[in-house]
Amino acid sequence: MKNLDHRVYLDALNQINEKPYVPVWFLRQAGRYMPEYRAVRSKFSDFFEMIKQPEVCCELTMQPLDKFPLDAAITFSDILTVPEAMGLEIKFIEKRGPVFSKSIIKNGSLNLSNDGINEKLNYVYQATALIKSNINIPLIGFAGSPWTIFTYMFYGESPKDFNQINEYIKNNLDYVHQTLEQITNASVQYLKSQIKHGADCVQIFDSWGGILQDNYQEFSLQYINKIKESLPKDIPCILYSRGMTLKPYLNQTSLKCFNLDSGEKLDDYLNQNIAIQGNIDPQIFHKSENKIKNLADEIYTKYKSNNNYVCNLGSGITPDIDPNKVGLFLKRLRLLNSE
């Protein structure tokens, strides 16, 4: 295993980055915007077939690292590995996304099992170990939040009408909390095993947290807290909650690392006792080269003295973005970091 000789990203997560250096990685830094990814994806008819190949996941994780100056890697996988391991059949359909063969809204309830979950997810751990052996920067493991996984289980696909799930949780409290607890237990096993196989930190993706608003603590944050408190204390755990203003909840969690979405104001968080990454709108990469370079200059000038800041996006890179524009930004930031 290679030594971790470039620690600035982890230092920022631990609020101890004393260098005039802005660490950076991007949500979905590997993926559909890269021609290298599309070439690999074209060889597989099914997305899950592809991500169950550890060597392929390693290759996809490495693609942006080989092309861009990044300070962290994130294992190429998907948050829906957990519900699939719990017994649900999932297909990824072009232009529709993940589709479950069964859902709570159609079937009333689901037959879920945590038996043998680590064995079923071993392909992720093999990929984690393989990636770790090929890099000298921190490796990020991840999982979906229990609420986000439940949301997919409820609708059977990406939700369109949020009223349905909000009405359901009011009237089916016992079943909802029982299922969230079961997903939480599976997620704890999953993240612990990723850490055991080489993940230096983990990120919890609460992609549908914004659906909840006033019920966020009851149905999402309390379960995220359980995950955090079950993990080793020396492993940074990052929360990304799309569509949520997180500031009112900072005193309701032991989490100390947050990835802000594009709707949040980063400067509202920097003086807190937490580490912050995110909030750049990826649509900036549709702007002119000068505007992209200027953004890199502004970020470096503004945040190079902050010991708790990581440059990142507020949502994932979309397939329509030119990778050359991404490279332009990252190379400009790396140039500034090396001055």
C-alpha atoms as a PDB file:
ATOM      1  CA  MET A   1       0.000   0.000   0.000  1.00  0.00           C
ATOM      2  CA  LYS A   2       1.317   3.413  -0.924  1.00  0.00           C
ATOM      3  CA  ASN A   3       2.009   5.971   1.778  1.00  0.00           C
ATOM      4  CA  LEU A   4      -0.416   8.862   2.126  1.00  0.00           C
ATOM      5  CA  ASP A   5       2.069  11.638   1.416  1.00  0.00           C
ATOM      6  CA  HIS A   6      -0.412  14.283   0.286  1.00  0.00           C
ATOM      7  CA  ARG A   7      -2.640  14.923   3.297  1.00  0.00           C
ATOM      8  CA  VAL A   8      -3.841  18.477   2.764  1.00  0.00           C
ATOM      9  CA  TYR A   9      -7.443  17.400   2.099  1.00  0.00           C
ATOM     10  CA  LEU A  10      -7.607  15.429   5.361  1.00  0.00           C
ATOM     11  CA  ASP A  11      -5.910  18.302   7.178  1.00  0.00           C
ATOM     12  CA  ALA A  12      -8.669  20.641   6.006  1.00  0.00           C
ATOM     13  CA  LEU A  13     -11.363  18.197   7.148  1.00  0.00           C
ATOM     14  CA  ASN A  14      -9.662  18.144  10.554  1.00  0.00           C
ATOM     15  CA  GLN A  15      -9.399  21.971  10.506  1.00  0.00           C
ATOM     16  CA  ILE A  16      -5.597  21.883  10.690  1.00  0.00           C
ATOM     17  CA  ASN A  17      -4.545  22.888   7.174  1.00  0.00           C
ATOM     18  CA  GLU A  18      -1.857  25.474   7.924  1.00  0.00           C
ATOM     19  CA  LYS A  19      -0.568  25.694   4.344  1.00  0.00           C
ATOM     20  CA  PRO A  20      -1.544  28.517   1.960  1.00  0.00           C
ATOM     21  CA  TYR A  21      -3.051  25.782  -0.189  1.00  0.00           C
ATOM     22  CA  VAL A  22      -6.694  25.224  -1.180  1.00  0.00           C
ATOM     23  CA  PRO A  23      -7.412  21.483  -1.478  1.00  0.00           C
ATOM     24  CA  VAL A  24      -9.914  20.466  -4.142  1.00  0.00           C
ATOM     25  CA  TRP A  25     -11.994  17.549  -5.371  1.00  0.00           C
ATOM     26  CA  PHE A  26     -15.309  17.557  -7.217  1.00  0.00           C
ATOM     27  CA  LEU A  27     -18.613  15.768  -6.789  1.00  0.00           C
ATOM     28  CA  ARG A  28     -18.861  13.280  -9.671  1.00  0.00           C
ATOM     29  CA  GLN A  29     -15.308  14.048 -10.733  1.00  0.00           C
ATOM     30  CA  ALA A  30     -15.446  10.684 -12.522  1.00  0.00           C
ATOM     31  CA  GLY A  31     -18.369  10.087 -14.816  1.00  0.00           C
ATOM     32  CA  ARG A  32     -20.397  10.840 -17.880  1.00  0.00           C
ATOM     33  CA  TYR A  33     -18.767  14.157 -18.818  1.00  0.00           C
ATOM     34  CA  MET A  34     -15.492  12.307 -19.498  1.00  0.00           C
ATOM     35  CA  PRO A  35     -15.030  10.517 -22.846  1.00  0.00           C
ATOM     36  CA  GLU A  36     -12.796   7.994 -21.052  1.00  0.00           C
ATOM     37  CA  TYR A  37     -15.727   7.053 -18.812  1.00  0.00           C
ATOM     38  CA  ARG A  38     -18.169   6.760 -21.716  1.00  0.00           C
ATOM     39  CA  ALA A  39     -15.770   4.412 -23.503  1.00  0.00           C
ATOM     40  CA  VAL A  40     -15.754   2.063 -20.503  1.00  0.00           C
ATOM     41  CA  ARG A  41     -19.507   2.383 -19.872  1.00  0.00           C
ATOM     42  CA  SER A  42     -20.293   1.403 -23.464  1.00  0.00           C
ATOM     43  CA  LYS A  43     -18.872  -2.071 -22.776  1.00  0.00           C
ATOM     44  CA  PHE A  44     -21.565  -2.862 -20.191  1.00  0.00           C
ATOM     45  CA  SER A  45     -25.303  -3.188 -20.773  1.00  0.00           C
ATOM     46  CA  ASP A  46     -26.067  -2.731 -17.070  1.00  0.00           C
ATOM     47  CA  PHE A  47     -24.601  -0.175 -14.638  1.00  0.00           C
ATOM     48  CA  PHE A  48     -24.549  -2.607 -11.704  1.00  0.00           C
ATOM     49  CA  GLU A  49     -22.713  -5.157 -13.827  1.00  0.00           C
ATOM     50  CA  MET A  50     -20.038  -2.509 -14.372  1.00  0.00           C
ATOM     51  CA  ILE A  51     -19.633  -1.373 -10.771  1.00  0.00           C
ATOM     52  CA  LYS A  52     -19.393  -4.964  -9.541  1.00  0.00           C
ATOM     53  CA  GLN A  53     -16.028  -5.235 -11.320  1.00  0.00           C
ATOM     54  CA  PRO A  54     -13.365  -3.911  -8.855  1.00  0.00           C
ATOM     55  CA  GLU A  55     -10.775  -3.403 -11.608  1.00  0.00           C
ATOM     56  CA  VAL A  56     -13.253  -1.332 -13.618  1.00  0.00           C
ATOM     57  CA  CYS A  57     -14.191   0.774 -10.573  1.00  0.00           C
ATOM     58  CA  CYS A  58     -10.499   1.391  -9.955  1.00  0.00           C
ATOM     59  CA  GLU A  59     -10.023   2.459 -13.581  1.00  0.00           C
ATOM     60  CA  LEU A  60     -12.998   4.843 -13.410  1.00  0.00           C
ATOM     61  CA  THR A  61     -11.805   6.309 -10.099  1.00  0.00           C
ATOM     62  CA  MET A  62      -8.351   6.886 -11.553  1.00  0.00           C
ATOM     63  CA  GLN A  63      -9.512   8.541 -14.795  1.00  0.00           C
ATOM     64  CA  PRO A  64      -9.923  12.073 -13.369  1.00  0.00           C
ATOM     65  CA  LEU A  65      -6.824  11.644 -11.172  1.00  0.00           C
ATOM     66  CA  ASP A  66      -4.749  10.849 -14.257  1.00  0.00           C
ATOM     67  CA  LYS A  67      -6.142  13.897 -16.051  1.00  0.00           C
ATOM     68  CA  PHE A  68      -6.517  16.595 -13.384  1.00  0.00           C
ATOM     69  CA  PRO A  69      -4.608  17.830 -10.290  1.00  0.00           C
ATOM     70  CA  LEU A  70      -6.997  16.686  -7.538  1.00  0.00           C
ATOM     71  CA  ASP A  71      -6.347  16.304  -3.815  1.00  0.00           C
ATOM     72  CA  ALA A  72      -8.718  13.405  -3.070  1.00  0.00           C
ATOM     73  CA  ALA A  73     -10.181  10.338  -4.773  1.00  0.00           C
ATOM     74  CA  ILE A  74     -13.670   8.949  -4.261  1.00  0.00           C
ATOM     75  CA  THR A  75     -14.421   5.288  -4.932  1.00  0.00           C
ATOM     76  CA  PHE A  76     -16.477   4.882  -8.088  1.00  0.00           C
ATOM     77  CA  SER A  77     -19.702   3.240  -6.948  1.00  0.00           C
ATOM     78  CA  ASP A  78     -23.322   4.216  -6.258  1.00  0.00           C
ATOM     79  CA  ILE A  79     -25.472   4.884  -3.205  1.00  0.00           C
ATOM     80  CA  LEU A  80     -27.953   2.210  -4.351  1.00  0.00           C
ATOM     81  CA  THR A  81     -25.517  -0.639  -3.705  1.00  0.00           C
ATOM     82  CA  VAL A  82     -27.019  -0.860  -0.192  1.00  0.00           C
ATOM     83  CA  PRO A  83     -30.699  -1.388  -1.123  1.00  0.00           C
ATOM     84  CA  GLU A  84     -29.610  -3.837  -3.821  1.00  0.00           C
ATOM     85  CA  ALA A  85     -27.659  -5.801  -1.191  1.00  0.00           C
ATOM     86  CA  MET A  86     -30.760  -5.698   1.044  1.00  0.00           C
ATOM     87  CA  GLY A  87     -32.645  -7.658  -1.602  1.00  0.00           C
ATOM     88  CA  LEU A  88     -34.125  -5.149  -4.043  1.00  0.00           C
ATOM     89  CA  GLU A  89     -33.702  -5.555  -7.781  1.00  0.00           C
ATOM     90  CA  ILE A  90     -32.621  -2.282  -9.430  1.00  0.00           C
ATOM     91  CA  LYS A  91     -32.052  -1.419 -13.086  1.00  0.00           C
ATOM     92  CA  PHE A  92     -30.492   1.778 -14.421  1.00  0.00           C
ATOM     93  CA  ILE A  93     -32.592   2.886 -17.397  1.00  0.00           C
ATOM     94  CA  GLU A  94     -31.285   5.441 -19.894  1.00  0.00           C
ATOM     95  CA  LYS A  95     -32.829   8.918 -19.402  1.00  0.00           C
ATOM     96  CA  ARG A  96     -34.858   7.638 -16.439  1.00  0.00           C
ATOM     97  CA  GLY A  97     -32.221   6.646 -13.890  1.00  0.00           C
ATOM     98  CA  PRO A  98     -32.520   3.869 -11.288  1.00  0.00           C
ATOM     99  CA  VAL A  99     -35.784   1.896 -11.314  1.00  0.00           C
ATOM    100  CA  PHE A 100     -36.681  -0.613  -8.590  1.00  0.00           C
ATOM    101  CA  SER A 101     -38.714  -3.715  -9.474  1.00  0.00           C
ATOM    102  CA  LYS A 102     -40.681  -3.225  -6.231  1.00  0.00           C
ATOM    103  CA  SER A 103     -41.489  -0.102  -4.222  1.00  0.00           C
ATOM    104  CA  ILE A 104     -43.388   0.867  -1.087  1.00  0.00           C
ATOM    105  CA  ILE A 105     -45.809   3.034  -3.076  1.00  0.00           C
ATOM    106  CA  LYS A 106     -46.722   0.072  -5.338  1.00  0.00           C
ATOM    107  CA  ASN A 107     -46.304  -2.930  -3.050  1.00  0.00           C
ATOM    108  CA  GLY A 108     -47.210  -1.460   0.343  1.00  0.00           C
ATOM    109  CA  SER A 109     -44.102  -2.806   2.067  1.00  0.00           C
ATOM    110  CA  LEU A 110     -40.786  -4.394   1.128  1.00  0.00           C
ATOM    111  CA  ASN A 111     -39.088  -7.609   2.218  1.00  0.00           C
ATOM    112  CA  LEU A 112     -35.625  -6.372   3.230  1.00  0.00           C
ATOM    113  CA  SER A 113     -32.761  -8.347   4.749  1.00  0.00           C
ATOM    114  CA  ASN A 114     -29.411  -7.338   6.234  1.00  0.00           C
ATOM    115  CA  ASP A 115     -28.189 -10.965   6.271  1.00  0.00           C
ATOM    116  CA  GLY A 116     -24.828 -11.394   4.591  1.00  0.00           C
ATOM    117  CA  ILE A 117     -24.743  -7.763   3.550  1.00  0.00           C
ATOM    118  CA  ASN A 118     -20.957  -7.449   3.778  1.00  0.00           C
ATOM    119  CA  GLU A 119     -20.469 -10.489   1.565  1.00  0.00           C
ATOM    120  CA  LYS A 120     -22.884  -9.031  -0.993  1.00  0.00           C
ATOM    121  CA  LEU A 121     -20.997  -5.723  -0.969  1.00  0.00           C
ATOM    122  CA  ASN A 122     -17.544  -7.267  -1.089  1.00  0.00           C
ATOM    123  CA  TYR A 123     -17.028  -5.964  -4.628  1.00  0.00           C
ATOM    124  CA  VAL A 124     -17.026  -2.420  -3.234  1.00  0.00           C
ATOM    125  CA  TYR A 125     -14.437  -3.321  -0.601  1.00  0.00           C
ATOM    126  CA  GLN A 126     -12.238  -5.005  -3.206  1.00  0.00           C
ATOM    127  CA  ALA A 127     -12.436  -1.868  -5.330  1.00  0.00           C
ATOM    128  CA  THR A 128     -11.630   0.299  -2.280  1.00  0.00           C
ATOM    129  CA  ALA A 129      -8.490  -1.705  -1.499  1.00  0.00           C
ATOM    130  CA  LEU A 130      -7.386  -1.737  -5.143  1.00  0.00           C
ATOM    131  CA  ILE A 131      -7.826   2.027  -5.528  1.00  0.00           C
ATOM    132  CA  LYS A 132      -6.027   2.650  -2.247  1.00  0.00           C
ATOM    133  CA  SER A 133      -3.021   0.674  -3.490  1.00  0.00           C
ATOM    134  CA  ASN A 134      -2.772   2.943  -6.556  1.00  0.00           C
ATOM    135  CA  ILE A 135      -2.963   6.433  -5.010  1.00  0.00           C
ATOM    136  CA  ASN A 136      -1.063   8.615  -2.548  1.00  0.00           C
ATOM    137  CA  ILE A 137      -3.922  11.045  -1.860  1.00  0.00           C
ATOM    138  CA  PRO A 138      -6.836  10.474   0.551  1.00  0.00           C
ATOM    139  CA  LEU A 139      -9.603   8.108  -0.511  1.00  0.00           C
ATOM    140  CA  ILE A 140     -13.237   8.975   0.213  1.00  0.00           C
ATOM    141  CA  GLY A 141     -15.743   6.185   0.837  1.00  0.00           C
ATOM    142  CA  PHE A 142     -19.446   6.945   0.807  1.00  0.00           C
ATOM    143  CA  ALA A 143     -23.021   5.845   1.337  1.00  0.00           C
ATOM    144  CA  GLY A 144     -26.468   7.296   0.840  1.00  0.00           C
ATOM    145  CA  SER A 145     -28.270   8.559   3.909  1.00  0.00           C
ATOM    146  CA  PRO A 146     -30.948   6.231   5.285  1.00  0.00           C
ATOM    147  CA  TRP A 147     -33.627   8.789   4.372  1.00  0.00           C
ATOM    148  CA  THR A 148     -32.394   9.072   0.786  1.00  0.00           C
ATOM    149  CA  ILE A 149     -32.298   5.269   0.415  1.00  0.00           C
ATOM    150  CA  PHE A 150     -35.811   5.089   1.915  1.00  0.00           C
ATOM    151  CA  THR A 151     -37.019   7.693  -0.584  1.00  0.00           C
ATOM    152  CA  TYR A 152     -35.827   5.535  -3.493  1.00  0.00           C
ATOM    153  CA  MET A 153     -37.439   2.501  -1.865  1.00  0.00           C
ATOM    154  CA  PHE A 154     -40.703   4.404  -1.492  1.00  0.00           C
ATOM    155  CA  TYR A 155     -41.000   5.696  -5.061  1.00  0.00           C
ATOM    156  CA  GLY A 156     -39.054   2.957  -6.813  1.00  0.00           C
ATOM    157  CA  GLU A 157     -37.197   5.646  -8.767  1.00  0.00           C
ATOM    158  CA  SER A 158     -36.215   9.307  -8.477  1.00  0.00           C
ATOM    159  CA  PRO A 159     -39.175  11.114  -6.884  1.00  0.00           C
ATOM    160  CA  LYS A 160     -41.325  13.627  -8.723  1.00  0.00           C
ATOM    161  CA  ASP A 161     -44.193  14.370  -6.302  1.00  0.00           C
ATOM    162  CA  PHE A 162     -42.846  14.962  -2.798  1.00  0.00           C
ATOM    163  CA  ASN A 163     -46.335  15.262  -1.280  1.00  0.00           C
ATOM    164  CA  GLN A 164     -46.840  11.501  -1.517  1.00  0.00           C
ATOM    165  CA  ILE A 165     -43.910  10.567   0.699  1.00  0.00           C
ATOM    166  CA  ASN A 166     -44.548  13.366   3.195  1.00  0.00           C
ATOM    167  CA  GLU A 167     -48.154  12.174   3.585  1.00  0.00           C
ATOM    168  CA  TYR A 168     -47.026   8.560   3.910  1.00  0.00           C
ATOM    169  CA  ILE A 169     -44.503   9.143   6.698  1.00  0.00           C
ATOM    170  CA  LYS A 170     -47.122  10.947   8.808  1.00  0.00           C
ATOM    171  CA  ASN A 171     -49.470   7.964   8.637  1.00  0.00           C
ATOM    172  CA  ASN A 172     -46.969   5.087   8.825  1.00  0.00           C
ATOM    173  CA  LEU A 173     -44.508   6.162  11.502  1.00  0.00           C
ATOM    174  CA  ASP A 174     -43.673   2.716  12.892  1.00  0.00           C
ATOM    175  CA  TYR A 175     -42.886   1.152   9.527  1.00  0.00           C
ATOM    176  CA  VAL A 176     -40.918   4.195   8.347  1.00  0.00           C
ATOM    177  CA  HIS A 177     -38.706   4.327  11.443  1.00  0.00           C
ATOM    178  CA  GLN A 178     -38.257   0.541  11.463  1.00  0.00           C
ATOM    179  CA  THR A 179     -37.082   0.657   7.840  1.00  0.00           C
ATOM    180  CA  LEU A 180     -34.814   3.667   8.438  1.00  0.00           C
ATOM    181  CA  GLU A 181     -33.242   1.820  11.377  1.00  0.00           C
ATOM    182  CA  GLN A 182     -32.620  -1.248   9.197  1.00  0.00           C
ATOM    183  CA  ILE A 183     -30.999   0.876   6.468  1.00  0.00           C
ATOM    184  CA  THR A 184     -28.909   2.626   9.135  1.00  0.00           C
ATOM    185  CA  ASN A 185     -27.576  -0.681  10.446  1.00  0.00           C
ATOM    186  CA  ALA A 186     -26.681  -1.812   6.924  1.00  0.00           C
ATOM    187  CA  SER A 187     -24.986   1.533   6.215  1.00  0.00           C
ATOM    188  CA  VAL A 188     -22.874   1.316   9.376  1.00  0.00           C
ATOM    189  CA  GLN A 189     -21.557  -2.098   8.298  1.00  0.00           C
ATOM    190  CA  TYR A 190     -20.949  -0.775   4.800  1.00  0.00           C
ATOM    191  CA  LEU A 191     -18.981   2.309   5.814  1.00  0.00           C
ATOM    192  CA  LYS A 192     -16.980   0.491   8.501  1.00  0.00           C
ATOM    193  CA  SER A 193     -15.891  -2.054   5.902  1.00  0.00           C
ATOM    194  CA  GLN A 194     -14.932   0.659   3.421  1.00  0.00           C
ATOM    195  CA  ILE A 195     -12.772   2.219   6.149  1.00  0.00           C
ATOM    196  CA  LYS A 196     -11.251  -1.173   6.963  1.00  0.00           C
ATOM    197  CA  HIS A 197     -10.299  -1.588   3.300  1.00  0.00           C
ATOM    198  CA  GLY A 198      -8.675   1.825   2.920  1.00  0.00           C
ATOM    199  CA  ALA A 199     -11.140   4.742   2.961  1.00  0.00           C
ATOM    200  CA  ASP A 200      -9.531   7.668   4.826  1.00  0.00           C
ATOM    201  CA  CYS A 201     -12.841   9.487   5.308  1.00  0.00           C
ATOM    202  CA  VAL A 202     -16.478   8.962   4.339  1.00  0.00           C
ATOM    203  CA  GLN A 203     -19.238  11.101   2.901  1.00  0.00           C
ATOM    204  CA  ILE A 204     -22.964  10.578   3.471  1.00  0.00           C
ATOM    205  CA  PHE A 205     -25.083  11.715   0.527  1.00  0.00           C
ATOM    206  CA  ASP A 206     -28.494  12.922   1.689  1.00  0.00           C
ATOM    207  CA  SER A 207     -29.652  13.617  -1.848  1.00  0.00           C
ATOM    208  CA  TRP A 208     -33.342  13.860  -0.916  1.00  0.00           C
ATOM    209  CA  GLY A 209     -32.912  15.563   2.465  1.00  0.00           C
ATOM    210  CA  GLY A 210     -34.501  18.733   1.097  1.00  0.00           C
ATOM    211  CA  ILE A 211     -37.854  16.963   0.753  1.00  0.00           C
ATOM    212  CA  LEU A 212     -38.238  16.972   4.541  1.00  0.00           C
ATOM    213  CA  GLN A 213     -37.621  20.561   5.632  1.00  0.00           C
ATOM    214  CA  ASP A 214     -39.353  20.777   9.061  1.00  0.00           C
ATOM    215  CA  ASN A 215     -39.082  16.997   9.653  1.00  0.00           C
ATOM    216  CA  TYR A 216     -35.387  16.790   8.826  1.00  0.00           C
ATOM    217  CA  GLN A 217     -34.149  15.889  12.296  1.00  0.00           C
ATOM    218  CA  GLU A 218     -36.735  13.156  12.879  1.00  0.00           C
ATOM    219  CA  PHE A 219     -36.465  11.309   9.589  1.00  0.00           C
ATOM    220  CA  SER A 220     -32.949  12.026   8.387  1.00  0.00           C
ATOM    221  CA  LEU A 221     -30.473  13.666  10.745  1.00  0.00           C
ATOM    222  CA  GLN A 222     -31.054  11.378  13.721  1.00  0.00           C
ATOM    223  CA  TYR A 223     -30.126   8.357  11.565  1.00  0.00           C
ATOM    224  CA  ILE A 224     -27.109  10.116  10.055  1.00  0.00           C
ATOM    225  CA  ASN A 225     -26.036  10.867  13.636  1.00  0.00           C
ATOM    226  CA  LYS A 226     -26.290   7.155  14.490  1.00  0.00           C
ATOM    227  CA  ILE A 227     -24.020   6.311  11.570  1.00  0.00           C
ATOM    228  CA  LYS A 228     -21.504   8.977  12.540  1.00  0.00           C
ATOM    229  CA  GLU A 229     -21.412   7.850  16.158  1.00  0.00           C
ATOM    230  CA  SER A 230     -20.830   4.220  15.105  1.00  0.00           C
ATOM    231  CA  LEU A 231     -17.727   5.019  13.028  1.00  0.00           C
ATOM    232  CA  PRO A 232     -14.140   5.369  14.288  1.00  0.00           C
ATOM    233  CA  LYS A 233     -13.694   8.808  15.859  1.00  0.00           C
ATOM    234  CA  ASP A 234     -10.518   9.542  13.882  1.00  0.00           C
ATOM    235  CA  ILE A 235     -12.271   9.113  10.501  1.00  0.00           C
ATOM    236  CA  PRO A 236     -13.800  12.367   9.201  1.00  0.00           C
ATOM    237  CA  CYS A 237     -17.449  11.955   8.229  1.00  0.00           C
ATOM    238  CA  ILE A 238     -18.910  14.507   5.790  1.00  0.00           C
ATOM    239  CA  LEU A 239     -22.597  15.259   5.252  1.00  0.00           C
ATOM    240  CA  TYR A 240     -23.934  16.449   1.913  1.00  0.00           C
ATOM    241  CA  SER A 241     -27.635  17.278   2.112  1.00  0.00           C
ATOM    242  CA  ARG A 242     -29.108  18.599  -1.109  1.00  0.00           C
ATOM    243  CA  GLY A 243     -31.755  21.262  -0.809  1.00  0.00           C
ATOM    244  CA  MET A 244     -31.243  21.798   2.932  1.00  0.00           C
ATOM    245  CA  THR A 245     -30.048  24.831   4.854  1.00  0.00           C
ATOM    246  CA  LEU A 246     -27.865  23.047   7.390  1.00  0.00           C
ATOM    247  CA  LYS A 247     -26.980  25.921   9.714  1.00  0.00           C
ATOM    248  CA  PRO A 248     -30.011  25.448  12.048  1.00  0.00           C
ATOM    249  CA  TYR A 249     -28.943  21.819  12.609  1.00  0.00           C
ATOM    250  CA  LEU A 250     -25.264  22.280  13.456  1.00  0.00           C
ATOM    251  CA  ASN A 251     -25.957  22.010  17.190  1.00  0.00           C
ATOM    252  CA  GLN A 252     -28.024  18.827  16.663  1.00  0.00           C
ATOM    253  CA  THR A 253     -25.177  16.686  15.343  1.00  0.00           C
ATOM    254  CA  SER A 254     -21.653  15.585  16.200  1.00  0.00           C
ATOM    255  CA  LEU A 255     -20.709  15.900  12.529  1.00  0.00           C
ATOM    256  CA  LYS A 256     -17.897  18.375  11.916  1.00  0.00           C
ATOM    257  CA  CYS A 257     -17.622  18.256   8.092  1.00  0.00           C
ATOM    258  CA  PHE A 258     -20.217  19.472   5.609  1.00  0.00           C
ATOM    259  CA  ASN A 259     -20.493  19.636   1.815  1.00  0.00           C
ATOM    260  CA  LEU A 260     -22.786  22.566   1.011  1.00  0.00           C
ATOM    261  CA  ASP A 261     -25.070  22.564  -1.991  1.00  0.00           C
ATOM    262  CA  SER A 262     -25.180  25.445  -4.456  1.00  0.00           C
ATOM    263  CA  GLY A 263     -28.042  27.173  -2.647  1.00  0.00           C
ATOM    264  CA  GLU A 264     -26.010  27.686   0.529  1.00  0.00           C
ATOM    265  CA  LYS A 265     -23.758  30.665   1.355  1.00  0.00           C
ATOM    266  CA  LEU A 266     -20.373  29.250   2.214  1.00  0.00           C
ATOM    267  CA  ASP A 267     -19.259  32.276   4.198  1.00  0.00           C
ATOM    268  CA  ASP A 268     -22.117  31.677   6.664  1.00  0.00           C
ATOM    269  CA  TYR A 269     -20.284  28.537   7.825  1.00  0.00           C
ATOM    270  CA  LEU A 270     -16.564  29.235   7.688  1.00  0.00           C
ATOM    271  CA  ASN A 271     -16.278  30.752  11.152  1.00  0.00           C
ATOM    272  CA  GLN A 272     -17.988  27.761  12.784  1.00  0.00           C
ATOM    273  CA  ASN A 273     -16.034  24.926  14.409  1.00  0.00           C
ATOM    274  CA  ILE A 274     -16.538  22.755  11.322  1.00  0.00           C
ATOM    275  CA  ALA A 275     -14.903  21.942   7.983  1.00  0.00           C
ATOM    276  CA  ILE A 276     -16.650  23.076   4.813  1.00  0.00           C
ATOM    277  CA  GLN A 277     -16.496  22.014   1.193  1.00  0.00           C
ATOM    278  CA  GLY A 278     -18.703  22.719  -1.760  1.00  0.00           C
ATOM    279  CA  ASN A 279     -21.351  25.167  -2.990  1.00  0.00           C
ATOM    280  CA  ILE A 280     -19.798  26.046  -6.393  1.00  0.00           C
ATOM    281  CA  ASP A 281     -22.469  25.734  -9.103  1.00  0.00           C
ATOM    282  CA  PRO A 282     -21.075  23.339 -11.751  1.00  0.00           C
ATOM    283  CA  GLN A 283     -22.748  25.460 -14.423  1.00  0.00           C
ATOM    284  CA  ILE A 284     -19.740  27.791 -14.047  1.00  0.00           C
ATOM    285  CA  PHE A 285     -18.015  25.410 -16.450  1.00  0.00           C
ATOM    286  CA  HIS A 286     -20.312  26.648 -19.212  1.00  0.00           C
ATOM    287  CA  LYS A 287     -18.856  30.152 -18.789  1.00  0.00           C
ATOM    288  CA  SER A 288     -15.910  31.700 -20.623  1.00  0.00           C
ATOM    289  CA  GLU A 289     -12.333  30.653 -19.894  1.00  0.00           C
ATOM    290  CA  ASN A 290     -11.633  34.043 -18.311  1.00  0.00           C
ATOM    291  CA  LYS A 291     -14.569  33.694 -15.899  1.00  0.00           C
ATOM    292  CA  ILE A 292     -13.422  30.212 -14.920  1.00  0.00           C
ATOM    293  CA  LYS A 293      -9.866  31.400 -14.283  1.00  0.00           C
ATOM    294  CA  ASN A 294     -11.182  34.383 -12.326  1.00  0.00           C
ATOM    295  CA  LEU A 295     -13.209  32.066 -10.090  1.00  0.00           C
ATOM    296  CA  ALA A 296     -10.078  30.040  -9.301  1.00  0.00           C
ATOM    297  CA  ASP A 297      -8.233  33.273  -8.484  1.00  0.00           C
ATOM    298  CA  GLU A 298     -11.045  34.492  -6.235  1.00  0.00           C
ATOM    299  CA  ILE A 299     -11.283  31.195  -4.356  1.00  0.00           C
ATOM    300  CA  TYR A 300      -7.556  30.997  -3.765  1.00  0.00           C
ATOM    301  CA  THR A 301      -7.277  34.622  -2.624  1.00  0.00           C
ATOM    302  CA  LYS A 302     -10.303  34.397  -0.361  1.00  0.00           C
ATOM    303  CA  TYR A 303      -9.797  30.987   1.254  1.00  0.00           C
ATOM    304  CA  LYS A 304      -6.079  30.130   1.173  1.00  0.00           C
ATOM    305  CA  SER A 305      -5.725  31.162   4.829  1.00  0.00           C
ATOM    306  CA  ASN A 306      -8.690  29.114   6.047  1.00  0.00           C
ATOM    307  CA  ASN A 307      -7.607  25.885   7.723  1.00  0.00           C
ATOM    308  CA  ASN A 308     -11.063  24.292   7.297  1.00  0.00           C
ATOM    309  CA  TYR A 309     -11.958  24.887   3.626  1.00  0.00           C
ATOM    310  CA  VAL A 310     -12.061  22.506   0.653  1.00  0.00           C
ATOM    311  CA  CYS A 311     -12.912  23.674  -2.847  1.00  0.00           C
ATOM    312  CA  ASN A 312     -15.777  21.577  -4.223  1.00  0.00           C
ATOM    313  CA  LEU A 313     -19.080  21.759  -6.058  1.00  0.00           C
ATOM    314  CA  GLY A 314     -22.591  22.103  -4.696  1.00  0.00           C
ATOM    315  CA  SER A 315     -23.820  19.342  -7.016  1.00  0.00           C
ATOM    316  CA  GLY A 316     -22.236  16.825  -9.348  1.00  0.00           C
ATOM    317  CA  ILE A 317     -20.619  17.586 -12.692  1.00  0.00           C
ATOM    318  CA  THR A 318     -23.268  17.088 -15.376  1.00  0.00           C
ATOM    319  CA  PRO A 319     -22.699  15.145 -18.617  1.00  0.00           C
ATOM    320  CA  ASP A 320     -22.934  18.299 -20.773  1.00  0.00           C
ATOM    321  CA  ILE A 321     -19.830  19.910 -19.231  1.00  0.00           C
ATOM    322  CA  ASP A 322     -16.615  20.150 -21.231  1.00  0.00           C
ATOM    323  CA  PRO A 323     -13.821  18.357 -19.339  1.00  0.00           C
ATOM    324  CA  ASN A 324     -11.349  20.897 -20.732  1.00  0.00           C
ATOM    325  CA  LYS A 325     -13.155  23.622 -18.754  1.00  0.00           C
ATOM    326  CA  VAL A 326     -12.888  21.526 -15.598  1.00  0.00           C
ATOM    327  CA  GLY A 327      -9.195  21.036 -16.304  1.00  0.00           C
ATOM    328  CA  LEU A 328      -8.704  24.759 -16.856  1.00  0.00           C
ATOM    329  CA  PHE A 329     -10.096  25.573 -13.404  1.00  0.00           C
ATOM    330  CA  LEU A 330      -8.156  22.830 -11.616  1.00  0.00           C
ATOM    331  CA  LYS A 331      -4.861  23.630 -13.299  1.00  0.00           C
ATOM    332  CA  ARG A 332      -5.279  27.323 -12.483  1.00  0.00           C
ATOM    333  CA  LEU A 333      -5.939  26.501  -8.833  1.00  0.00           C
ATOM    334  CA  ARG A 334      -2.969  24.122  -8.726  1.00  0.00           C
ATOM    335  CA  LEU A 335      -0.740  26.849 -10.227  1.00  0.00           C
ATOM    336  CA  LEU A 336      -1.825  29.267  -7.496  1.00  0.00           C
ATOM    337  CA  ASN A 337      -1.318  26.589  -4.824  1.00  0.00           C
ATOM    338  CA  SER A 338       2.248  26.020  -5.981  1.00  0.00           C
ATOM    339  CA  GLU A 339       3.288  29.682  -5.885  1.00  0.00           C
END
